Amino acid sequence: CTPVEYAERLGWLGPDVWLAHAVHLDDHAVGR
């Protein structure tokens, strides 16, 4: 999967998370 999909799978997206860089994002990742 993509890095953002991997992060979401592990519970690593949310209002208490900030991610460094986030350079390579597709539209779905930006939306998530």
All heavy atoms as atom14 arrays in JSON, in Angstrom:
{
  "sequence": "CTPVEYAERLGWLGPDVWLAHAVHLDDHAVGR",
  "atom14_mask": [
    [1, 1, 1, 1, 1, 1, 0, 0, 0, 0, 0, 0, 0, 0],
    [1, 1, 1, 1, 1, 1, 1, 0, 0, 0, 0, 0, 0, 0],
    [1, 1, 1, 1, 1, 1, 1, 0, 0, 0, 0, 0, 0, 0],
    [1, 1, 1, 1, 1, 1, 1, 0, 0, 0, 0, 0, 0, 0],
    [1, 1, 1, 1, 1, 1, 1, 1, 1, 0, 0, 0, 0, 0],
    [1, 1, 1, 1, 1, 1, 1, 1, 1, 1, 1, 1, 0, 0],
    [1, 1, 1, 1, 1, 0, 0, 0, 0, 0, 0, 0, 0, 0],
    [1, 1, 1, 1, 1, 1, 1, 1, 1, 0, 0, 0, 0, 0],
    [1, 1, 1, 1, 1, 1, 1, 1, 1, 1, 1, 0, 0, 0],
    [1, 1, 1, 1, 1, 1, 1, 1, 0, 0, 0, 0, 0, 0],
    [1, 1, 1, 1, 0, 0, 0, 0, 0, 0, 0, 0, 0, 0],
    [1, 1, 1, 1, 1, 1, 1, 1, 1, 1, 1, 1, 1, 1],
    [1, 1, 1, 1, 1, 1, 1, 1, 0, 0, 0, 0, 0, 0],
    [1, 1, 1, 1, 0, 0, 0, 0, 0, 0, 0, 0, 0, 0],
    [1, 1, 1, 1, 1, 1, 1, 0, 0, 0, 0, 0, 0, 0],
    [1, 1, 1, 1, 1, 1, 1, 1, 0, 0, 0, 0, 0, 0],
    [1, 1, 1, 1, 1, 1, 1, 0, 0, 0, 0, 0, 0, 0],
    [1, 1, 1, 1, 1, 1, 1, 1, 1, 1, 1, 1, 1, 1],
    [1, 1, 1, 1, 1, 1, 1, 1, 0, 0, 0, 0, 0, 0],
    [1, 1, 1, 1, 1, 0, 0, 0, 0, 0, 0, 0, 0, 0],
    [1, 1, 1, 1, 1, 1, 1, 1, 1, 1, 0, 0, 0, 0],
    [1, 1, 1, 1, 1, 0, 0, 0, 0, 0, 0, 0, 0, 0],
    [1, 1, 1, 1, 1, 1, 1, 0, 0, 0, 0, 0, 0, 0],
    [1, 1, 1, 1, 1, 1, 1, 1, 1, 1, 0, 0, 0, 0],
    [1, 1, 1, 1, 1, 1, 1, 1, 0, 0, 0, 0, 0, 0],
    [1, 1, 1, 1, 1, 1, 1, 1, 0, 0, 0, 0, 0, 0],
    [1, 1, 1, 1, 1, 1, 1, 1, 0, 0, 0, 0, 0, 0],
    [1, 1, 1, 1, 1, 1, 1, 1, 1, 1, 0, 0, 0, 0],
    [1, 1, 1, 1, 1, 0, 0, 0, 0, 0, 0, 0, 0, 0],
    [1, 1, 1, 1, 1, 1, 1, 0, 0, 0, 0, 0, 0, 0],
    [1, 1, 1, 1, 0, 0, 0, 0, 0, 0, 0, 0, 0, 0],
    [1, 1, 1, 1, 1, 1, 1, 1, 1, 1, 1, 0, 0, 0]
  ],
  "atom14_positions": [
    [[0.84, -1.19, 0.0], [0.0, 0.0, 0.0], [0.88, 1.25, 0.0], [2.11, 1.16, 0.14], [-0.93, 0.01, 1.22], [-0.04, -0.01, 2.8], [0.0, 0.0, 0.0], [0.0, 0.0, 0.0], [0.0, 0.0, 0.0], [0.0, 0.0, 0.0], [0.0, 0.0, 0.0], [0.0, 0.0, 0.0], [0.0, 0.0, 0.0], [0.0, 0.0, 0.0]],
    [[0.27, 2.41, -0.13], [1.0, 3.67, -0.07], [1.34, 4.02, 1.38], [0.75, 3.45, 2.32], [0.17, 4.82, -0.65], [-0.94, 5.07, 0.22], [-0.33, 4.5, -2.05], [0.0, 0.0, 0.0], [0.0, 0.0, 0.0], [0.0, 0.0, 0.0], [0.0, 0.0, 0.0], [0.0, 0.0, 0.0], [0.0, 0.0, 0.0], [0.0, 0.0, 0.0]],
    [[2.26, 4.95, 1.61], [2.57, 5.34, 2.99], [1.36, 5.84, 3.78], [1.21, 5.49, 4.96], [3.61, 6.46, 2.8], [4.31, 6.1, 1.53], [3.23, 5.55, 0.65], [0.0, 0.0, 0.0], [0.0, 0.0, 0.0], [0.0, 0.0, 0.0], [0.0, 0.0, 0.0], [0.0, 0.0, 0.0], [0.0, 0.0, 0.0], [0.0, 0.0, 0.0]],
    [[0.5, 6.64, 3.16], [-0.67, 7.14, 3.89], [-1.64, 6.0, 4.21], [-2.22, 5.94, 5.3], [-1.35, 8.28, 3.12], [-2.71, 8.63, 3.73], [-0.45, 9.52, 3.11], [0.0, 0.0, 0.0], [0.0, 0.0, 0.0], [0.0, 0.0, 0.0], [0.0, 0.0, 0.0], [0.0, 0.0, 0.0], [0.0, 0.0, 0.0], [0.0, 0.0, 0.0]],
    [[-1.83, 5.1, 3.27], [-2.69, 3.93, 3.56], [-2.1, 3.1, 4.69], [-2.85, 2.59, 5.55], [-2.84, 3.1, 2.29], [-3.7, 3.76, 1.22], [-3.63, 3.05, -0.13], [-2.65, 2.29, -0.35], [-4.52, 3.28, -0.96], [0.0, 0.0, 0.0], [0.0, 0.0, 0.0], [0.0, 0.0, 0.0], [0.0, 0.0, 0.0], [0.0, 0.0, 0.0]],
    [[-0.8, 2.95, 4.7], [-0.13, 2.21, 5.77], [-0.34, 2.91, 7.11], [-0.67, 2.26, 8.12], [1.35, 2.09, 5.44], [2.19, 1.36, 6.47], [1.93, 0.05, 6.8], [3.26, 2.01, 7.09], [2.7, -0.63, 7.74], [4.05, 1.35, 8.02], [3.77, 0.03, 8.34], [4.54, -0.62, 9.27], [0.0, 0.0, 0.0], [0.0, 0.0, 0.0]],
    [[-0.16, 4.22, 7.14], [-0.35, 4.96, 8.38], [-1.78, 4.81, 8.89], [-2.01, 4.58, 10.09], [-0.02, 6.44, 8.16], [0.0, 0.0, 0.0], [0.0, 0.0, 0.0], [0.0, 0.0, 0.0], [0.0, 0.0, 0.0], [0.0, 0.0, 0.0], [0.0, 0.0, 0.0], [0.0, 0.0, 0.0], [0.0, 0.0, 0.0], [0.0, 0.0, 0.0]],
    [[-2.75, 4.9, 7.99], [-4.14, 4.79, 8.42], [-4.43, 3.38, 8.94], [-5.15, 3.21, 9.94], [-5.08, 5.14, 7.27], [-6.53, 5.16, 7.7], [-7.41, 5.92, 6.73], [-7.08, 5.97, 5.52], [-8.44, 6.46, 7.17], [0.0, 0.0, 0.0], [0.0, 0.0, 0.0], [0.0, 0.0, 0.0], [0.0, 0.0, 0.0], [0.0, 0.0, 0.0]],
    [[-3.86, 2.38, 8.31], [-4.04, 1.0, 8.75], [-3.56, 0.81, 10.2], [-4.14, 0.03, 10.96], [-3.27, 0.08, 7.81], [-3.39, -1.4, 8.13], [-2.43, -2.21, 7.26], [-2.66, -2.04, 5.83], [-1.86, -2.53, 4.88], [-0.76, -3.19, 5.21], [-2.15, -2.34, 3.61], [0.0, 0.0, 0.0], [0.0, 0.0, 0.0], [0.0, 0.0, 0.0]],
    [[-2.52, 1.54, 10.58], [-1.93, 1.39, 11.91], [-2.48, 2.38, 12.93], [-1.99, 2.45, 14.06], [-0.41, 1.56, 11.82], [0.33, 0.56, 10.92], [1.82, 0.88, 10.91], [0.1, -0.87, 11.4], [0.0, 0.0, 0.0], [0.0, 0.0, 0.0], [0.0, 0.0, 0.0], [0.0, 0.0, 0.0], [0.0, 0.0, 0.0], [0.0, 0.0, 0.0]],
    [[-3.5, 3.16, 12.55], [-4.08, 4.13, 13.48], [-3.3, 5.42, 13.58], [-3.4, 6.13, 14.59], [0.0, 0.0, 0.0], [0.0, 0.0, 0.0], [0.0, 0.0, 0.0], [0.0, 0.0, 0.0], [0.0, 0.0, 0.0], [0.0, 0.0, 0.0], [0.0, 0.0, 0.0], [0.0, 0.0, 0.0], [0.0, 0.0, 0.0], [0.0, 0.0, 0.0]],
    [[-2.57, 5.75, 12.52], [-1.68, 6.91, 12.55], [-2.21, 8.09, 11.74], [-1.43, 8.9, 11.25], [-0.29, 6.5, 12.09], [0.58, 6.15, 13.26], [0.63, 4.97, 13.93], [1.52, 7.01, 13.9], [1.54, 5.03, 14.95], [2.1, 6.28, 14.96], [1.93, 8.33, 13.69], [3.07, 6.82, 15.81], [2.89, 8.87, 14.53], [3.45, 8.12, 15.58]],
    [[-3.51, 8.2, 11.6], [-4.11, 9.43, 11.09], [-5.09, 9.93, 12.14], [-5.76, 9.15, 12.81], [-4.84, 9.2, 9.77], [-4.02, 8.72, 8.57], [-4.89, 8.66, 7.33], [-2.79, 9.58, 8.33], [0.0, 0.0, 0.0], [0.0, 0.0, 0.0], [0.0, 0.0, 0.0], [0.0, 0.0, 0.0], [0.0, 0.0, 0.0], [0.0, 0.0, 0.0]],
    [[-5.17, 11.26, 12.29], [-6.1, 11.82, 13.26], [-5.69, 13.22, 13.66], [-4.59, 13.68, 13.34], [0.0, 0.0, 0.0], [0.0, 0.0, 0.0], [0.0, 0.0, 0.0], [0.0, 0.0, 0.0], [0.0, 0.0, 0.0], [0.0, 0.0, 0.0], [0.0, 0.0, 0.0], [0.0, 0.0, 0.0], [0.0, 0.0, 0.0], [0.0, 0.0, 0.0]],
    [[-6.56, 13.93, 14.39], [-6.27, 15.31, 14.78], [-5.14, 15.45, 15.79], [-4.71, 16.57, 16.06], [-7.61, 15.79, 15.37], [-8.3, 14.53, 15.8], [-7.9, 13.48, 14.81], [0.0, 0.0, 0.0], [0.0, 0.0, 0.0], [0.0, 0.0, 0.0], [0.0, 0.0, 0.0], [0.0, 0.0, 0.0], [0.0, 0.0, 0.0], [0.0, 0.0, 0.0]],
    [[-4.68, 14.34, 16.35], [-3.55, 14.38, 17.28], [-2.23, 13.99, 16.61], [-1.22, 13.77, 17.28], [-3.81, 13.47, 18.48], [-4.14, 12.03, 18.08], [-4.3, 11.76, 16.87], [-4.26, 11.18, 18.99], [0.0, 0.0, 0.0], [0.0, 0.0, 0.0], [0.0, 0.0, 0.0], [0.0, 0.0, 0.0], [0.0, 0.0, 0.0], [0.0, 0.0, 0.0]],
    [[-2.22, 13.9, 15.27], [-1.04, 13.46, 14.52], [-0.56, 14.59, 13.61], [-1.38, 15.24, 12.95], [-1.37, 12.23, 13.65], [-0.15, 11.8, 12.83], [-1.88, 11.07, 14.5], [0.0, 0.0, 0.0], [0.0, 0.0, 0.0], [0.0, 0.0, 0.0], [0.0, 0.0, 0.0], [0.0, 0.0, 0.0], [0.0, 0.0, 0.0], [0.0, 0.0, 0.0]],
    [[0.76, 14.82, 13.6], [1.32, 15.65, 12.53], [2.47, 14.89, 11.88], [3.25, 14.25, 12.53], [1.7, 17.04, 13.03], [3.04, 17.28, 13.63], [4.13, 17.84, 13.03], [3.45, 17.01, 14.99], [5.18, 17.95, 13.91], [4.8, 17.45, 15.11], [2.82, 16.45, 16.12], [5.51, 17.34, 16.31], [3.53, 16.34, 17.3], [4.85, 16.78, 17.38]],
    [[2.49, 14.94, 10.56], [3.41, 14.15, 9.74], [4.47, 15.05, 9.12], [4.14, 16.12, 8.59], [2.65, 13.44, 8.62], [1.49, 12.54, 9.05], [0.7, 12.08, 7.82], [2.0, 11.34, 9.84], [0.0, 0.0, 0.0], [0.0, 0.0, 0.0], [0.0, 0.0, 0.0], [0.0, 0.0, 0.0], [0.0, 0.0, 0.0], [0.0, 0.0, 0.0]],
    [[5.71, 14.62, 9.16], [6.79, 15.37, 8.53], [6.86, 15.06, 7.04], [6.84, 13.9, 6.64], [8.13, 15.05, 9.19], [0.0, 0.0, 0.0], [0.0, 0.0, 0.0], [0.0, 0.0, 0.0], [0.0, 0.0, 0.0], [0.0, 0.0, 0.0], [0.0, 0.0, 0.0], [0.0, 0.0, 0.0], [0.0, 0.0, 0.0], [0.0, 0.0, 0.0]],
    [[6.9, 16.09, 6.24], [7.15, 16.08, 4.79], [5.88, 15.89, 3.96], [5.45, 16.81, 3.29], [8.22, 15.05, 4.42], [9.51, 15.26, 5.12], [10.28, 16.39, 4.93], [10.15, 14.51, 6.06], [11.35, 16.32, 5.7], [11.29, 15.2, 6.41], [0.0, 0.0, 0.0], [0.0, 0.0, 0.0], [0.0, 0.0, 0.0], [0.0, 0.0, 0.0]],
    [[5.33, 14.68, 3.9], [4.12, 14.43, 3.11], [4.26, 15.0, 1.7], [3.39, 15.71, 1.2], [2.89, 15.0, 3.82], [0.0, 0.0, 0.0], [0.0, 0.0, 0.0], [0.0, 0.0, 0.0], [0.0, 0.0, 0.0], [0.0, 0.0, 0.0], [0.0, 0.0, 0.0], [0.0, 0.0, 0.0], [0.0, 0.0, 0.0], [0.0, 0.0, 0.0]],
    [[5.34, 14.66, 1.05], [5.63, 15.18, -0.29], [4.87, 14.39, -1.36], [4.24, 14.97, -2.25], [7.14, 15.14, -0.58], [7.43, 15.53, -2.03], [7.89, 16.05, 0.39], [0.0, 0.0, 0.0], [0.0, 0.0, 0.0], [0.0, 0.0, 0.0], [0.0, 0.0, 0.0], [0.0, 0.0, 0.0], [0.0, 0.0, 0.0], [0.0, 0.0, 0.0]],
    [[4.94, 13.06, -1.27], [4.4, 12.21, -2.34], [3.01, 11.71, -1.95], [2.85, 10.63, -1.37], [5.37, 11.07, -2.62], [6.67, 11.55, -3.18], [6.86, 11.83, -4.52], [7.82, 11.88, -2.56], [8.08, 12.28, -4.7], [8.69, 12.32, -3.54], [0.0, 0.0, 0.0], [0.0, 0.0, 0.0], [0.0, 0.0, 0.0], [0.0, 0.0, 0.0]],
    [[2.02, 12.53, -2.27], [0.63, 12.23, -1.94], [-0.21, 12.24, -3.21], [-0.11, 13.17, -4.02], [0.06, 13.28, -0.98], [0.8, 13.53, 0.34], [0.1, 14.66, 1.1], [0.85, 12.27, 1.19], [0.0, 0.0, 0.0], [0.0, 0.0, 0.0], [0.0, 0.0, 0.0], [0.0, 0.0, 0.0], [0.0, 0.0, 0.0], [0.0, 0.0, 0.0]],
    [[-1.05, 11.22, -3.38], [-2.05, 11.29, -4.45], [-3.3, 11.98, -3.9], [-3.37, 12.34, -2.72], [-2.35, 9.91, -5.01], [-2.84, 8.91, -3.95], [-3.33, 9.35, -2.88], [-2.72, 7.69, -4.19], [0.0, 0.0, 0.0], [0.0, 0.0, 0.0], [0.0, 0.0, 0.0], [0.0, 0.0, 0.0], [0.0, 0.0, 0.0], [0.0, 0.0, 0.0]],
    [[-4.29, 12.17, -4.74], [-5.5, 12.89, -4.32], [-6.2, 12.18, -3.17], [-6.74, 12.82, -2.26], [-6.46, 13.05, -5.5], [-5.95, 14.02, -6.55], [-5.0, 14.78, -6.25], [-6.5, 14.02, -7.67], [0.0, 0.0, 0.0], [0.0, 0.0, 0.0], [0.0, 0.0, 0.0], [0.0, 0.0, 0.0], [0.0, 0.0, 0.0], [0.0, 0.0, 0.0]],
    [[-6.21, 10.85, -3.22], [-6.85, 10.1, -2.14], [-6.15, 10.36, -0.81], [-6.82, 10.54, 0.22], [-6.83, 8.6, -2.47], [-7.37, 7.74, -1.37], [-8.72, 7.65, -1.08], [-6.73, 6.94, -0.45], [-8.9, 6.83, -0.05], [-7.72, 6.39, 0.34], [0.0, 0.0, 0.0], [0.0, 0.0, 0.0], [0.0, 0.0, 0.0], [0.0, 0.0, 0.0]],
    [[-4.83, 10.4, -0.82], [-4.08, 10.64, 0.4], [-4.37, 12.03, 0.96], [-4.57, 12.2, 2.17], [-2.59, 10.46, 0.14], [0.0, 0.0, 0.0], [0.0, 0.0, 0.0], [0.0, 0.0, 0.0], [0.0, 0.0, 0.0], [0.0, 0.0, 0.0], [0.0, 0.0, 0.0], [0.0, 0.0, 0.0], [0.0, 0.0, 0.0], [0.0, 0.0, 0.0]],
    [[-4.39, 13.04, 0.09], [-4.72, 14.39, 0.54], [-6.11, 14.4, 1.19], [-6.32, 14.99, 2.26], [-4.68, 15.38, -0.65], [-5.23, 16.75, -0.23], [-3.25, 15.53, -1.16], [0.0, 0.0, 0.0], [0.0, 0.0, 0.0], [0.0, 0.0, 0.0], [0.0, 0.0, 0.0], [0.0, 0.0, 0.0], [0.0, 0.0, 0.0], [0.0, 0.0, 0.0]],
    [[-7.05, 13.71, 0.58], [-8.39, 13.64, 1.13], [-8.45, 12.96, 2.48], [-9.2, 13.38, 3.36], [0.0, 0.0, 0.0], [0.0, 0.0, 0.0], [0.0, 0.0, 0.0], [0.0, 0.0, 0.0], [0.0, 0.0, 0.0], [0.0, 0.0, 0.0], [0.0, 0.0, 0.0], [0.0, 0.0, 0.0], [0.0, 0.0, 0.0], [0.0, 0.0, 0.0]],
    [[-7.65, 11.91, 2.67], [-7.66, 11.21, 3.95], [-7.04, 12.06, 5.06], [-7.52, 12.05, 6.19], [-6.91, 9.88, 3.83], [-7.57, 8.84, 2.94], [-9.05, 8.66, 3.3], [-9.22, 8.21, 4.69], [-10.29, 8.49, 5.44], [-11.28, 9.23, 4.96], [-10.36, 8.03, 6.68], [0.0, 0.0, 0.0], [0.0, 0.0, 0.0], [0.0, 0.0, 0.0]]
  ]
}
